[in-house]
Amino acid sequence: MTDTIVYIDRSSVHEGKLDELKAAMAELVDFVETNEPEILSYNVYFSADGEQMTVMHTHADSTTLEQHLEVAGSEFPPIGAFITLESIDVYGQLRDELVQQLQAKASTLGTGRVVIHDRFQGFNRVIGD
């Protein structure tokens, strides 16, 4: 499995928790950047009204997504105080064990919805910062 993996999760932000969530996510981004140099991208987005958060990361293959769950996994549960995770969408092929890990994360932080989208056709280009 050498296809690029794109991970996108969407969460609703608990009322009155946006500032705390932003601080926690800034810490998480710093942690991931420092401890996971293999991740190609890791980005956090907020809707204009601050009610929704989207986290998107890109991996060269499923191995770095697995490593991300191992390395940063203990950092996720405290963020649950600020959000309800509504969905995880992953674009690319994953092993069943990894899908189960994502389902556990989704259940811990929210609804438990995980959808895997298998790549049909396409290509990738590397884009610099």
C-alpha atoms as a PDB file:
ATOM      1  CA  MET A   1       0.000   0.000   0.000  1.00  0.00           C
ATOM      2  CA  THR A   2       1.986   2.957  -1.260  1.00  0.00           C
ATOM      3  CA  ASP A   3      -0.841   5.343  -2.104  1.00  0.00           C
ATOM      4  CA  THR A   4      -1.017   8.736  -0.473  1.00  0.00           C
ATOM      5  CA  ILE A   5      -3.467   8.863   2.428  1.00  0.00           C
ATOM      6  CA  VAL A   6      -5.587  11.933   3.134  1.00  0.00           C
ATOM      7  CA  TYR A   7      -7.305  12.057   6.526  1.00  0.00           C
ATOM      8  CA  ILE A   8     -10.095  14.545   7.280  1.00  0.00           C
ATOM      9  CA  ASP A   9     -12.066  14.742  10.493  1.00  0.00           C
ATOM     10  CA  ARG A  10     -14.884  17.133  11.287  1.00  0.00           C
ATOM     11  CA  SER A  11     -16.039  18.129  14.736  1.00  0.00           C
ATOM     12  CA  SER A  12     -18.579  20.432  16.288  1.00  0.00           C
ATOM     13  CA  VAL A  13     -17.105  22.798  18.863  1.00  0.00           C
ATOM     14  CA  HIS A  14     -18.761  22.860  22.267  1.00  0.00           C
ATOM     15  CA  GLU A  15     -20.330  26.195  23.108  1.00  0.00           C
ATOM     16  CA  GLY A  16     -17.939  28.540  24.884  1.00  0.00           C
ATOM     17  CA  LYS A  17     -14.914  26.274  24.289  1.00  0.00           C
ATOM     18  CA  LEU A  18     -13.461  27.741  21.090  1.00  0.00           C
ATOM     19  CA  ASP A  19     -10.566  29.608  22.733  1.00  0.00           C
ATOM     20  CA  GLU A  20      -9.560  26.591  24.829  1.00  0.00           C
ATOM     21  CA  LEU A  21      -9.834  24.362  21.773  1.00  0.00           C
ATOM     22  CA  LYS A  22      -7.659  26.670  19.693  1.00  0.00           C
ATOM     23  CA  ALA A  23      -4.979  26.609  22.406  1.00  0.00           C
ATOM     24  CA  ALA A  24      -5.154  22.803  22.654  1.00  0.00           C
ATOM     25  CA  MET A  25      -4.965  22.388  18.887  1.00  0.00           C
ATOM     26  CA  ALA A  26      -1.977  24.741  18.638  1.00  0.00           C
ATOM     27  CA  GLU A  27      -0.203  22.521  21.173  1.00  0.00           C
ATOM     28  CA  LEU A  28      -1.201  19.385  19.249  1.00  0.00           C
ATOM     29  CA  VAL A  29       0.082  20.810  15.953  1.00  0.00           C
ATOM     30  CA  ASP A  30       3.409  21.685  17.626  1.00  0.00           C
ATOM     31  CA  PHE A  31       3.591  18.179  19.108  1.00  0.00           C
ATOM     32  CA  VAL A  32       2.911  16.510  15.759  1.00  0.00           C
ATOM     33  CA  GLU A  33       5.368  18.745  13.912  1.00  0.00           C
ATOM     34  CA  THR A  34       8.098  17.989  16.452  1.00  0.00           C
ATOM     35  CA  ASN A  35       7.501  14.272  16.879  1.00  0.00           C
ATOM     36  CA  GLU A  36       6.254  13.111  13.482  1.00  0.00           C
ATOM     37  CA  PRO A  37       8.533  14.387  10.704  1.00  0.00           C
ATOM     38  CA  GLU A  38       7.147  11.856   8.211  1.00  0.00           C
ATOM     39  CA  ILE A  39       3.693  13.490   8.020  1.00  0.00           C
ATOM     40  CA  LEU A  40       3.466  15.485   4.789  1.00  0.00           C
ATOM     41  CA  SER A  41       0.919  17.990   6.114  1.00  0.00           C
ATOM     42  CA  TYR A  42      -1.138  18.564   9.265  1.00  0.00           C
ATOM     43  CA  ASN A  43      -3.654  21.413   9.283  1.00  0.00           C
ATOM     44  CA  VAL A  44      -6.497  22.622  11.499  1.00  0.00           C
ATOM     45  CA  TYR A  45      -9.352  24.753  10.156  1.00  0.00           C
ATOM     46  CA  PHE A  46     -12.266  26.514  11.880  1.00  0.00           C
ATOM     47  CA  SER A  47     -15.495  27.669  10.287  1.00  0.00           C
ATOM     48  CA  ALA A  48     -16.072  31.424  10.257  1.00  0.00           C
ATOM     49  CA  ASP A  49     -18.610  31.122  13.086  1.00  0.00           C
ATOM     50  CA  GLY A  50     -16.257  28.956  15.189  1.00  0.00           C
ATOM     51  CA  GLU A  51     -18.808  26.162  15.481  1.00  0.00           C
ATOM     52  CA  GLN A  52     -16.950  23.589  13.355  1.00  0.00           C
ATOM     53  CA  MET A  53     -13.371  22.354  13.270  1.00  0.00           C
ATOM     54  CA  THR A  54     -11.774  20.326  10.493  1.00  0.00           C
ATOM     55  CA  VAL A  55      -8.435  18.554  10.847  1.00  0.00           C
ATOM     56  CA  MET A  56      -6.730  17.405   7.681  1.00  0.00           C
ATOM     57  CA  HIS A  57      -3.457  15.554   7.329  1.00  0.00           C
ATOM     58  CA  THR A  58      -1.669  13.916   4.439  1.00  0.00           C
ATOM     59  CA  HIS A  59       0.574  10.864   4.554  1.00  0.00           C
ATOM     60  CA  ALA A  60       2.857   9.290   1.959  1.00  0.00           C
ATOM     61  CA  ASP A  61       1.309   5.943   2.902  1.00  0.00           C
ATOM     62  CA  SER A  62      -0.757   4.285   5.620  1.00  0.00           C
ATOM     63  CA  THR A  63       2.312   3.580   7.769  1.00  0.00           C
ATOM     64  CA  THR A  64       2.665   7.225   8.817  1.00  0.00           C
ATOM     65  CA  LEU A  65      -1.038   7.381   9.706  1.00  0.00           C
ATOM     66  CA  GLU A  66      -0.526   4.315  11.898  1.00  0.00           C
ATOM     67  CA  GLN A  67       2.509   5.990  13.487  1.00  0.00           C
ATOM     68  CA  HIS A  68       0.472   9.151  14.055  1.00  0.00           C
ATOM     69  CA  LEU A  69      -2.145   7.239  16.017  1.00  0.00           C
ATOM     70  CA  GLU A  70       0.590   5.608  18.107  1.00  0.00           C
ATOM     71  CA  VAL A  71       2.649   8.749  18.758  1.00  0.00           C
ATOM     72  CA  ALA A  72      -0.128  11.322  19.199  1.00  0.00           C
ATOM     73  CA  GLY A  73      -2.948   9.035  20.318  1.00  0.00           C
ATOM     74  CA  SER A  74      -2.600   9.953  23.980  1.00  0.00           C
ATOM     75  CA  GLU A  75      -2.993  13.629  23.029  1.00  0.00           C
ATOM     76  CA  PHE A  76      -6.498  13.163  21.554  1.00  0.00           C
ATOM     77  CA  PRO A  77      -8.741  12.354  24.577  1.00  0.00           C
ATOM     78  CA  PRO A  78      -8.251  15.703  26.390  1.00  0.00           C
ATOM     79  CA  ILE A  79      -9.471  17.497  23.256  1.00  0.00           C
ATOM     80  CA  GLY A  80     -12.773  15.644  23.680  1.00  0.00           C
ATOM     81  CA  ALA A  81     -13.709  18.165  26.381  1.00  0.00           C
ATOM     82  CA  PHE A  82     -14.025  20.814  23.650  1.00  0.00           C
ATOM     83  CA  ILE A  83     -15.531  18.931  20.684  1.00  0.00           C
ATOM     84  CA  THR A  84     -17.832  16.233  19.445  1.00  0.00           C
ATOM     85  CA  LEU A  85     -16.131  14.393  16.613  1.00  0.00           C
ATOM     86  CA  GLU A  86     -18.742  13.953  13.908  1.00  0.00           C
ATOM     87  CA  SER A  87     -16.853  12.090  11.217  1.00  0.00           C
ATOM     88  CA  ILE A  88     -13.543  10.773   9.975  1.00  0.00           C
ATOM     89  CA  ASP A  89     -13.074  10.388   6.239  1.00  0.00           C
ATOM     90  CA  VAL A  90      -9.935   8.717   4.934  1.00  0.00           C
ATOM     91  CA  TYR A  91      -8.999   8.742   1.276  1.00  0.00           C
ATOM     92  CA  GLY A  92      -6.789   5.777   0.392  1.00  0.00           C
ATOM     93  CA  GLN A  93      -6.460   2.108   1.221  1.00  0.00           C
ATOM     94  CA  LEU A  94      -5.995   1.062   4.873  1.00  0.00           C
ATOM     95  CA  ARG A  95      -5.498  -2.215   6.683  1.00  0.00           C
ATOM     96  CA  ASP A  96      -8.506  -3.413   8.675  1.00  0.00           C
ATOM     97  CA  GLU A  97      -6.607  -2.956  11.965  1.00  0.00           C
ATOM     98  CA  LEU A  98      -6.023   0.712  11.181  1.00  0.00           C
ATOM     99  CA  VAL A  99      -9.687   1.220  10.332  1.00  0.00           C
ATOM    100  CA  GLN A 100     -10.563  -0.295  13.727  1.00  0.00           C
ATOM    101  CA  GLN A 101      -8.169   2.125  15.461  1.00  0.00           C
ATOM    102  CA  LEU A 102      -9.836   5.054  13.699  1.00  0.00           C
ATOM    103  CA  GLN A 103     -13.277   3.754  14.698  1.00  0.00           C
ATOM    104  CA  ALA A 104     -12.119   3.577  18.322  1.00  0.00           C
ATOM    105  CA  LYS A 105     -10.875   7.176  18.138  1.00  0.00           C
ATOM    106  CA  ALA A 106     -14.151   8.318  16.560  1.00  0.00           C
ATOM    107  CA  SER A 107     -16.192   6.526  19.233  1.00  0.00           C
ATOM    108  CA  THR A 108     -14.097   7.968  22.048  1.00  0.00           C
ATOM    109  CA  LEU A 109     -14.452  11.547  20.801  1.00  0.00           C
ATOM    110  CA  GLY A 110     -17.876  11.463  19.179  1.00  0.00           C
ATOM    111  CA  THR A 111     -20.220   9.593  16.869  1.00  0.00           C
ATOM    112  CA  GLY A 112     -17.923   6.818  15.730  1.00  0.00           C
ATOM    113  CA  ARG A 113     -18.524   7.490  12.014  1.00  0.00           C
ATOM    114  CA  VAL A 114     -15.542   6.487   9.841  1.00  0.00           C
ATOM    115  CA  VAL A 115     -15.706   6.258   6.050  1.00  0.00           C
ATOM    116  CA  ILE A 116     -12.861   4.928   3.923  1.00  0.00           C
ATOM    117  CA  HIS A 117     -12.752   6.107   0.308  1.00  0.00           C
ATOM    118  CA  ASP A 118     -10.707   3.864  -1.993  1.00  0.00           C
ATOM    119  CA  ARG A 119      -8.783   5.657  -4.713  1.00  0.00           C
ATOM    120  CA  PHE A 120     -10.049   4.966  -8.197  1.00  0.00           C
ATOM    121  CA  GLN A 121      -7.744   7.034 -10.383  1.00  0.00           C
ATOM    122  CA  GLY A 122      -5.417  10.013 -10.035  1.00  0.00           C
ATOM    123  CA  PHE A 123      -1.924  11.288  -9.414  1.00  0.00           C
ATOM    124  CA  ASN A 124      -0.030  13.267  -6.768  1.00  0.00           C
ATOM    125  CA  ARG A 125       2.362  16.188  -6.981  1.00  0.00           C
ATOM    126  CA  VAL A 126       4.478  17.457  -4.133  1.00  0.00           C
ATOM    127  CA  ILE A 127       3.775  21.080  -3.259  1.00  0.00           C
ATOM    128  CA  GLY A 128       6.224  23.042  -1.116  1.00  0.00           C
ATOM    129  CA  ASP A 129       5.337  25.393   1.740  1.00  0.00           C
END
